[in-house]
PDB file of N, CA and C in Angstrom:
ATOM      1  N   MET A   1     -29.523 -92.817  16.577  1.00  0.00           N
ATOM      2  CA  MET A   1     -29.466 -93.025  15.155  1.00  0.00           C
ATOM      3  C   MET A   1     -28.093 -92.596  14.667  1.00  0.00           C
ATOM      4  N   GLY A   2     -27.447 -93.421  13.874  1.00  0.00           N
ATOM      5  CA  GLY A   2     -26.127 -93.112  13.336  1.00  0.00           C
ATOM      6  C   GLY A   2     -26.207 -92.211  12.116  1.00  0.00           C
ATOM      7  N   ILE A   3     -25.116 -92.139  11.398  1.00  0.00           N
ATOM      8  CA  ILE A   3     -25.056 -91.335  10.176  1.00  0.00           C
ATOM      9  C   ILE A   3     -25.648 -92.132   9.024  1.00  0.00           C
ATOM     10  N   CYS A   4     -26.502 -91.483   8.266  1.00  0.00           N
ATOM     11  CA  CYS A   4     -27.141 -92.145   7.127  1.00  0.00           C
ATOM     12  C   CYS A   4     -26.257 -92.061   5.890  1.00  0.00           C
ATOM     13  N   PRO A   5     -26.366 -93.024   4.986  1.00  0.00           N
ATOM     14  CA  PRO A   5     -25.572 -92.984   3.751  1.00  0.00           C
ATOM     15  C   PRO A   5     -26.035 -91.876   2.803  1.00  0.00           C
ATOM     16  N   GLU A   6     -25.178 -91.545   1.835  1.00  0.00           N
ATOM     17  CA  GLU A   6     -25.500 -90.519   0.837  1.00  0.00           C
ATOM     18  C   GLU A   6     -26.826 -90.841   0.162  1.00  0.00           C
ATOM     19  N   GLY A   7     -27.626 -89.795  -0.054  1.00  0.00           N
ATOM     20  CA  GLY A   7     -28.922 -89.968  -0.711  1.00  0.00           C
ATOM     21  C   GLY A   7     -30.056 -90.277   0.250  1.00  0.00           C
ATOM     22  N   THR A   8     -29.745 -90.267   1.555  1.00  0.00           N
ATOM     23  CA  THR A   8     -30.767 -90.513   2.573  1.00  0.00           C
ATOM     24  C   THR A   8     -30.620 -89.502   3.707  1.00  0.00           C
ATOM     25  N   TYR A   9     -31.629 -89.430   4.559  1.00  0.00           N
ATOM     26  CA  TYR A   9     -31.593 -88.550   5.727  1.00  0.00           C
ATOM     27  C   TYR A   9     -32.131 -89.321   6.929  1.00  0.00           C
ATOM     28  N   ALA A  10     -31.774 -88.877   8.119  1.00  0.00           N
ATOM     29  CA  ALA A  10     -32.209 -89.530   9.354  1.00  0.00           C
ATOM     30  C   ALA A  10     -33.601 -89.043   9.733  1.00  0.00           C
ATOM     31  N   SER A  11     -34.549 -89.957   9.803  1.00  0.00           N
ATOM     32  CA  SER A  11     -35.902 -89.638  10.247  1.00  0.00           C
ATOM     33  C   SER A  11     -35.968 -89.895  11.751  1.00  0.00           C
ATOM     34  N   GLU A  12     -36.116 -88.820  12.515  1.00  0.00           N
ATOM     35  CA  GLU A  12     -36.179 -88.948  13.979  1.00  0.00           C
ATOM     36  C   GLU A  12     -37.403 -89.752  14.406  1.00  0.00           C
ATOM     37  N   GLU A  13     -38.556 -89.528  13.727  1.00  0.00           N
ATOM     38  CA  GLU A  13     -39.794 -90.202  14.110  1.00  0.00           C
ATOM     39  C   GLU A  13     -39.710 -91.711  13.891  1.00  0.00           C
ATOM     40  N   GLU A  14     -39.196 -92.099  12.716  1.00  0.00           N
ATOM     41  CA  GLU A  14     -39.189 -93.509  12.352  1.00  0.00           C
ATOM     42  C   GLU A  14     -37.887 -94.222  12.710  1.00  0.00           C
ATOM     43  N   LYS A  15     -36.884 -93.440  13.147  1.00  0.00           N
ATOM     44  CA  LYS A  15     -35.569 -93.996  13.509  1.00  0.00           C
ATOM     45  C   LYS A  15     -34.970 -94.803  12.356  1.00  0.00           C
ATOM     46  N   LEU A  16     -35.140 -94.257  11.136  1.00  0.00           N
ATOM     47  CA  LEU A  16     -34.634 -94.909   9.929  1.00  0.00           C
ATOM     48  C   LEU A  16     -33.934 -93.889   9.048  1.00  0.00           C
ATOM     49  N   CYS A  17     -33.150 -94.382   8.103  1.00  0.00           N
ATOM     50  CA  CYS A  17     -32.607 -93.542   7.042  1.00  0.00           C
ATOM     51  C   CYS A  17     -33.576 -93.640   5.870  1.00  0.00           C
ATOM     52  N   LEU A  18     -34.153 -92.505   5.493  1.00  0.00           N
ATOM     53  CA  LEU A  18     -35.135 -92.467   4.413  1.00  0.00           C
ATOM     54  C   LEU A  18     -34.536 -91.760   3.192  1.00  0.00           C
ATOM     55  N   PRO A  19     -35.029 -92.063   1.982  1.00  0.00           N
ATOM     56  CA  PRO A  19     -34.441 -91.472   0.779  1.00  0.00           C
ATOM     57  C   PRO A  19     -34.738 -89.981   0.631  1.00  0.00           C
ATOM     58  N   CYS A  20     -33.730 -89.265   0.112  1.00  0.00           N
ATOM     59  CA  CYS A  20     -33.885 -87.852  -0.246  1.00  0.00           C
ATOM     60  C   CYS A  20     -34.695 -87.761  -1.530  1.00  0.00           C
ATOM     61  N   HIS A  21     -35.077 -86.539  -1.885  1.00  0.00           N
ATOM     62  CA  HIS A  21     -35.680 -86.286  -3.188  1.00  0.00           C
ATOM     63  C   HIS A  21     -34.677 -86.760  -4.247  1.00  0.00           C
ATOM     64  N   PRO A  22     -35.132 -87.276  -5.390  1.00  0.00           N
ATOM     65  CA  PRO A  22     -34.222 -87.837  -6.403  1.00  0.00           C
ATOM     66  C   PRO A  22     -33.136 -86.882  -6.904  1.00  0.00           C
ATOM     67  N   GLN A  23     -33.339 -85.573  -6.830  1.00  0.00           N
ATOM     68  CA  GLN A  23     -32.324 -84.624  -7.294  1.00  0.00           C
ATOM     69  C   GLN A  23     -31.226 -84.374  -6.269  1.00  0.00           C
ATOM     70  N   CYS A  24     -31.474 -84.693  -5.013  1.00  0.00           N
ATOM     71  CA  CYS A  24     -30.537 -84.384  -3.932  1.00  0.00           C
ATOM     72  C   CYS A  24     -29.494 -85.481  -3.725  1.00  0.00           C
ATOM     73  N   ARG A  25     -28.244 -85.067  -3.516  1.00  0.00           N
ATOM     74  CA  ARG A  25     -27.198 -86.003  -3.096  1.00  0.00           C
ATOM     75  C   ARG A  25     -27.280 -86.182  -1.583  1.00  0.00           C
ATOM     76  N   SER A  26     -27.519 -85.064  -0.870  1.00  0.00           N
ATOM     77  CA  SER A  26     -27.755 -85.102   0.572  1.00  0.00           C
ATOM     78  C   SER A  26     -28.864 -84.110   0.885  1.00  0.00           C
ATOM     79  N   CYS A  27     -29.581 -84.335   1.990  1.00  0.00           N
ATOM     80  CA  CYS A  27     -30.765 -83.523   2.270  1.00  0.00           C
ATOM     81  C   CYS A  27     -31.102 -83.516   3.750  1.00  0.00           C
ATOM     82  N   ARG A  28     -32.082 -82.689   4.087  1.00  0.00           N
ATOM     83  CA  ARG A  28     -32.599 -82.624   5.462  1.00  0.00           C
ATOM     84  C   ARG A  28     -33.883 -83.413   5.627  1.00  0.00           C
ATOM     85  N   ASN A  29     -34.642 -83.579   4.514  1.00  0.00           N
ATOM     86  CA  ASN A  29     -35.852 -84.408   4.507  1.00  0.00           C
ATOM     87  C   ASN A  29     -36.160 -84.780   3.063  1.00  0.00           C
ATOM     88  N   ALA A  30     -37.306 -85.370   2.787  1.00  0.00           N
ATOM     89  CA  ALA A  30     -37.626 -85.882   1.447  1.00  0.00           C
ATOM     90  C   ALA A  30     -38.109 -84.809   0.469  1.00  0.00           C
ATOM     91  N   SER A  31     -38.302 -83.599   0.923  1.00  0.00           N
ATOM     92  CA  SER A  31     -38.809 -82.529   0.072  1.00  0.00           C
ATOM     93  C   SER A  31     -37.770 -82.102  -0.969  1.00  0.00           C
ATOM     94  N   GLU A  32     -38.239 -81.608  -2.124  1.00  0.00           N
ATOM     95  CA  GLU A  32     -37.310 -81.111  -3.147  1.00  0.00           C
ATOM     96  C   GLU A  32     -36.680 -79.781  -2.742  1.00  0.00           C
ATOM     97  N   ILE A  33     -37.170 -79.154  -1.682  1.00  0.00           N
ATOM     98  CA  ILE A  33     -36.579 -77.908  -1.183  1.00  0.00           C
ATOM     99  C   ILE A  33     -35.818 -78.125   0.125  1.00  0.00           C
ATOM    100  N   SER A  34     -35.178 -79.285   0.243  1.00  0.00           N
ATOM    101  CA  SER A  34     -34.386 -79.576   1.435  1.00  0.00           C
ATOM    102  C   SER A  34     -32.993 -80.095   1.083  1.00  0.00           C
ATOM    103  N   CYS A  35     -32.560 -79.840  -0.153  1.00  0.00           N
ATOM    104  CA  CYS A  35     -31.257 -80.357  -0.601  1.00  0.00           C
ATOM    105  C   CYS A  35     -30.109 -79.586   0.056  1.00  0.00           C
ATOM    106  N   VAL A  36     -29.119 -80.311   0.506  1.00  0.00           N
ATOM    107  CA  VAL A  36     -27.892 -79.734   1.042  1.00  0.00           C
ATOM    108  C   VAL A  36     -26.808 -79.807  -0.031  1.00  0.00           C
ATOM    109  N   SER A  37     -26.859 -80.847  -0.872  1.00  0.00           N
ATOM    110  CA  SER A  37     -25.994 -80.974  -2.047  1.00  0.00           C
ATOM    111  C   SER A  37     -26.794 -81.705  -3.122  1.00  0.00           C
ATOM    112  N   CYS A  38     -26.329 -81.572  -4.377  1.00  0.00           N
ATOM    113  CA  CYS A  38     -27.058 -82.131  -5.517  1.00  0.00           C
ATOM    114  C   CYS A  38     -26.271 -83.241  -6.199  1.00  0.00           C
ATOM    115  N   LYS A  39     -26.971 -84.020  -6.995  1.00  0.00           N
ATOM    116  CA  LYS A  39     -26.303 -85.006  -7.832  1.00  0.00           C
ATOM    117  C   LYS A  39     -25.413 -84.260  -8.820  1.00  0.00           C
ATOM    118  N   SER A  40     -24.385 -84.918  -9.345  1.00  0.00           N
ATOM    119  CA  SER A  40     -23.306 -84.247 -10.072  1.00  0.00           C
ATOM    120  C   SER A  40     -23.734 -83.443 -11.295  1.00  0.00           C
ATOM    121  N   ASP A  41     -24.837 -83.744 -11.934  1.00  0.00           N
ATOM    122  CA  ASP A  41     -25.244 -83.007 -13.131  1.00  0.00           C
ATOM    123  C   ASP A  41     -26.179 -81.843 -12.825  1.00  0.00           C
ATOM    124  N   LEU A  42     -26.373 -81.513 -11.545  1.00  0.00           N
ATOM    125  CA  LEU A  42     -27.288 -80.448 -11.136  1.00  0.00           C
ATOM    126  C   LEU A  42     -26.569 -79.384 -10.319  1.00  0.00           C
ATOM    127  N   PHE A  43     -27.182 -78.216 -10.208  1.00  0.00           N
ATOM    128  CA  PHE A  43     -26.663 -77.114  -9.420  1.00  0.00           C
ATOM    129  C   PHE A  43     -27.538 -76.890  -8.195  1.00  0.00           C
ATOM    130  N   LEU A  44     -26.927 -76.564  -7.064  1.00  0.00           N
ATOM    131  CA  LEU A  44     -27.664 -76.258  -5.830  1.00  0.00           C
ATOM    132  C   LEU A  44     -27.884 -74.755  -5.725  1.00  0.00           C
ATOM    133  N   ILE A  45     -29.144 -74.356  -5.561  1.00  0.00           N
ATOM    134  CA  ILE A  45     -29.460 -72.966  -5.236  1.00  0.00           C
ATOM    135  C   ILE A  45     -29.556 -72.917  -3.717  1.00  0.00           C
ATOM    136  N   HIS A  46     -28.525 -72.341  -3.076  1.00  0.00           N
ATOM    137  CA  HIS A  46     -28.428 -72.369  -1.614  1.00  0.00           C
ATOM    138  C   HIS A  46     -29.630 -71.768  -0.911  1.00  0.00           C
ATOM    139  N   ASP A  47     -30.047 -70.570  -1.321  1.00  0.00           N
ATOM    140  CA  ASP A  47     -31.117 -69.908  -0.585  1.00  0.00           C
ATOM    141  C   ASP A  47     -32.466 -70.596  -0.738  1.00  0.00           C
ATOM    142  N   ALA A  48     -32.625 -71.438  -1.758  1.00  0.00           N
ATOM    143  CA  ALA A  48     -33.881 -72.179  -1.955  1.00  0.00           C
ATOM    144  C   ALA A  48     -33.734 -73.654  -1.595  1.00  0.00           C
ATOM    145  N   MET A  49     -32.488 -74.109  -1.349  1.00  0.00           N
ATOM    146  CA  MET A  49     -32.182 -75.516  -1.053  1.00  0.00           C
ATOM    147  C   MET A  49     -32.774 -76.446  -2.114  1.00  0.00           C
ATOM    148  N   THR A  50     -32.625 -76.038  -3.383  1.00  0.00           N
ATOM    149  CA  THR A  50     -33.196 -76.746  -4.521  1.00  0.00           C
ATOM    150  C   THR A  50     -32.107 -77.050  -5.537  1.00  0.00           C
ATOM    151  N   CYS A  51     -32.255 -78.157  -6.257  1.00  0.00           N
ATOM    152  CA  CYS A  51     -31.328 -78.525  -7.320  1.00  0.00           C
ATOM    153  C   CYS A  51     -31.966 -78.232  -8.671  1.00  0.00           C
ATOM    154  N   VAL A  52     -31.186 -77.624  -9.567  1.00  0.00           N
ATOM    155  CA  VAL A  52     -31.684 -77.260 -10.894  1.00  0.00           C
ATOM    156  C   VAL A  52     -30.675 -77.677 -11.963  1.00  0.00           C
ATOM    157  N   GLU A  53     -31.152 -77.820 -13.217  1.00  0.00           N
ATOM    158  CA  GLU A  53     -30.275 -78.200 -14.327  1.00  0.00           C
ATOM    159  C   GLU A  53     -29.433 -77.045 -14.831  1.00  0.00           C
ATOM    160  N   PHE A  54     -30.003 -75.831 -14.827  1.00  0.00           N
ATOM    161  CA  PHE A  54     -29.335 -74.665 -15.390  1.00  0.00           C
ATOM    162  C   PHE A  54     -29.290 -73.537 -14.371  1.00  0.00           C
ATOM    163  N   CYS A  55     -28.315 -72.702 -14.504  1.00  0.00           N
ATOM    164  CA  CYS A  55     -28.165 -71.545 -13.626  1.00  0.00           C
ATOM    165  C   CYS A  55     -29.194 -70.488 -14.022  1.00  0.00           C
ATOM    166  N   PRO A  56     -30.166 -70.160 -13.158  1.00  0.00           N
ATOM    167  CA  PRO A  56     -31.175 -69.162 -13.503  1.00  0.00           C
ATOM    168  C   PRO A  56     -30.598 -67.740 -13.488  1.00  0.00           C
ATOM    169  N   GLU A  57     -31.348 -66.805 -14.090  1.00  0.00           N
ATOM    170  CA  GLU A  57     -30.942 -65.398 -14.040  1.00  0.00           C
ATOM    171  C   GLU A  57     -30.797 -64.978 -12.588  1.00  0.00           C
ATOM    172  N   GLN A  58     -29.943 -64.020 -12.346  1.00  0.00           N
ATOM    173  CA  GLN A  58     -29.656 -63.487 -11.018  1.00  0.00           C
ATOM    174  C   GLN A  58     -28.845 -64.439 -10.145  1.00  0.00           C
ATOM    175  N   TYR A  59     -28.275 -65.501 -10.740  1.00  0.00           N
ATOM    176  CA  TYR A  59     -27.421 -66.424 -10.007  1.00  0.00           C
ATOM    177  C   TYR A  59     -26.119 -66.612 -10.762  1.00  0.00           C
ATOM    178  N   TYR A  60     -25.068 -67.002 -10.050  1.00  0.00           N
ATOM    179  CA  TYR A  60     -23.778 -67.313 -10.661  1.00  0.00           C
ATOM    180  C   TYR A  60     -23.189 -68.510  -9.940  1.00  0.00           C
ATOM    181  N   THR A  61     -22.235 -69.188 -10.571  1.00  0.00           N
ATOM    182  CA  THR A  61     -21.601 -70.331  -9.925  1.00  0.00           C
ATOM    183  C   THR A  61     -20.499 -69.846  -8.995  1.00  0.00           C
ATOM    184  N   GLY A  62     -20.409 -70.467  -7.837  1.00  0.00           N
ATOM    185  CA  GLY A  62     -19.378 -70.124  -6.866  1.00  0.00           C
ATOM    186  C   GLY A  62     -18.102 -70.913  -7.152  1.00  0.00           C
ATOM    187  N   LYS A  63     -17.195 -70.961  -6.184  1.00  0.00           N
ATOM    188  CA  LYS A  63     -15.929 -71.701  -6.347  1.00  0.00           C
ATOM    189  C   LYS A  63     -16.198 -73.169  -6.642  1.00  0.00           C
ATOM    190  N   ASN A  64     -17.153 -73.733  -5.934  1.00  0.00           N
ATOM    191  CA  ASN A  64     -17.594 -75.097  -6.207  1.00  0.00           C
ATOM    192  C   ASN A  64     -18.666 -74.961  -7.279  1.00  0.00           C
ATOM    193  N   PHE A  65     -18.372 -75.365  -8.506  1.00  0.00           N
ATOM    194  CA  PHE A  65     -19.245 -75.082  -9.632  1.00  0.00           C
ATOM    195  C   PHE A  65     -20.629 -75.719  -9.548  1.00  0.00           C
ATOM    196  N   ASN A  66     -20.894 -76.570  -8.596  1.00  0.00           N
ATOM    197  CA  ASN A  66     -22.235 -77.128  -8.449  1.00  0.00           C
ATOM    198  C   ASN A  66     -23.088 -76.314  -7.483  1.00  0.00           C
ATOM    199  N   ASN A  67     -22.541 -75.207  -6.990  1.00  0.00           N
ATOM    200  CA  ASN A  67     -23.296 -74.349  -6.073  1.00  0.00           C
ATOM    201  C   ASN A  67     -23.573 -73.011  -6.734  1.00  0.00           C
ATOM    202  N   LEU A  68     -24.794 -72.516  -6.610  1.00  0.00           N
ATOM    203  CA  LEU A  68     -25.177 -71.237  -7.196  1.00  0.00           C
ATOM    204  C   LEU A  68     -25.403 -70.215  -6.095  1.00  0.00           C
ATOM    205  N   LYS A  69     -24.973 -69.015  -6.330  1.00  0.00           N
ATOM    206  CA  LYS A  69     -25.156 -67.910  -5.389  1.00  0.00           C
ATOM    207  C   LYS A  69     -26.019 -66.855  -6.060  1.00  0.00           C
ATOM    208  N   SER A  70     -26.843 -66.187  -5.286  1.00  0.00           N
ATOM    209  CA  SER A  70     -27.673 -65.134  -5.868  1.00  0.00           C
ATOM    210  C   SER A  70     -26.858 -63.860  -6.024  1.00  0.00           C
ATOM    211  N   ILE A  71     -27.201 -63.094  -7.049  1.00  0.00           N
ATOM    212  CA  ILE A  71     -26.562 -61.806  -7.297  1.00  0.00           C
ATOM    213  C   ILE A  71     -27.414 -60.746  -6.613  1.00  0.00           C
ATOM    214  N   ILE A  72     -26.787 -59.943  -5.799  1.00  0.00           N
ATOM    215  CA  ILE A  72     -27.496 -58.877  -5.098  1.00  0.00           C
ATOM    216  C   ILE A  72     -27.219 -57.586  -5.860  1.00  0.00           C
ATOM    217  N   ILE A  73     -28.271 -56.949  -6.293  1.00  0.00           N
ATOM    218  CA  ILE A  73     -28.147 -55.706  -7.037  1.00  0.00           C
ATOM    219  C   ILE A  73     -28.579 -54.563  -6.126  1.00  0.00           C
ATOM    220  N   ILE A  74     -27.688 -53.595  -5.952  1.00  0.00           N
ATOM    221  CA  ILE A  74     -27.981 -52.452  -5.101  1.00  0.00           C
ATOM    222  C   ILE A  74     -28.066 -51.214  -5.983  1.00  0.00           C
ATOM    223  N   PHE A  75     -29.123 -50.465  -5.837  1.00  0.00           N
ATOM    224  CA  PHE A  75     -29.301 -49.234  -6.596  1.00  0.00           C
ATOM    225  C   PHE A  75     -29.063 -48.058  -5.662  1.00  0.00           C
ATOM    226  N   PHE A  76     -28.294 -47.105  -6.149  1.00  0.00           N
ATOM    227  CA  PHE A  76     -28.068 -45.882  -5.387  1.00  0.00           C
ATOM    228  C   PHE A  76     -28.866 -44.759  -6.039  1.00  0.00           C
ATOM    229  N   LEU A  77     -29.562 -44.021  -5.241  1.00  0.00           N
ATOM    230  CA  LEU A  77     -30.361 -42.899  -5.758  1.00  0.00           C
ATOM    231  C   LEU A  77     -29.633 -41.602  -5.540  1.00  0.00           C
TER     232      LEU A  77
END
């Protein structure tokens, strides 16, 4: 199987390029939690592999503004 076009992923079982979830620009499968990149108006939450419209609490935008990183809070006692 060759490389699939943007918005699709390679299905090993069916030997076809199948569509990603509608929010994903690229993905690993059709699930909404398999996004590798998002469509231009959405943000990717890396640790959840999900695309969202707004940056949730505890996240910030990285160098690539369409990618969100979680904020790690460490408390010292």
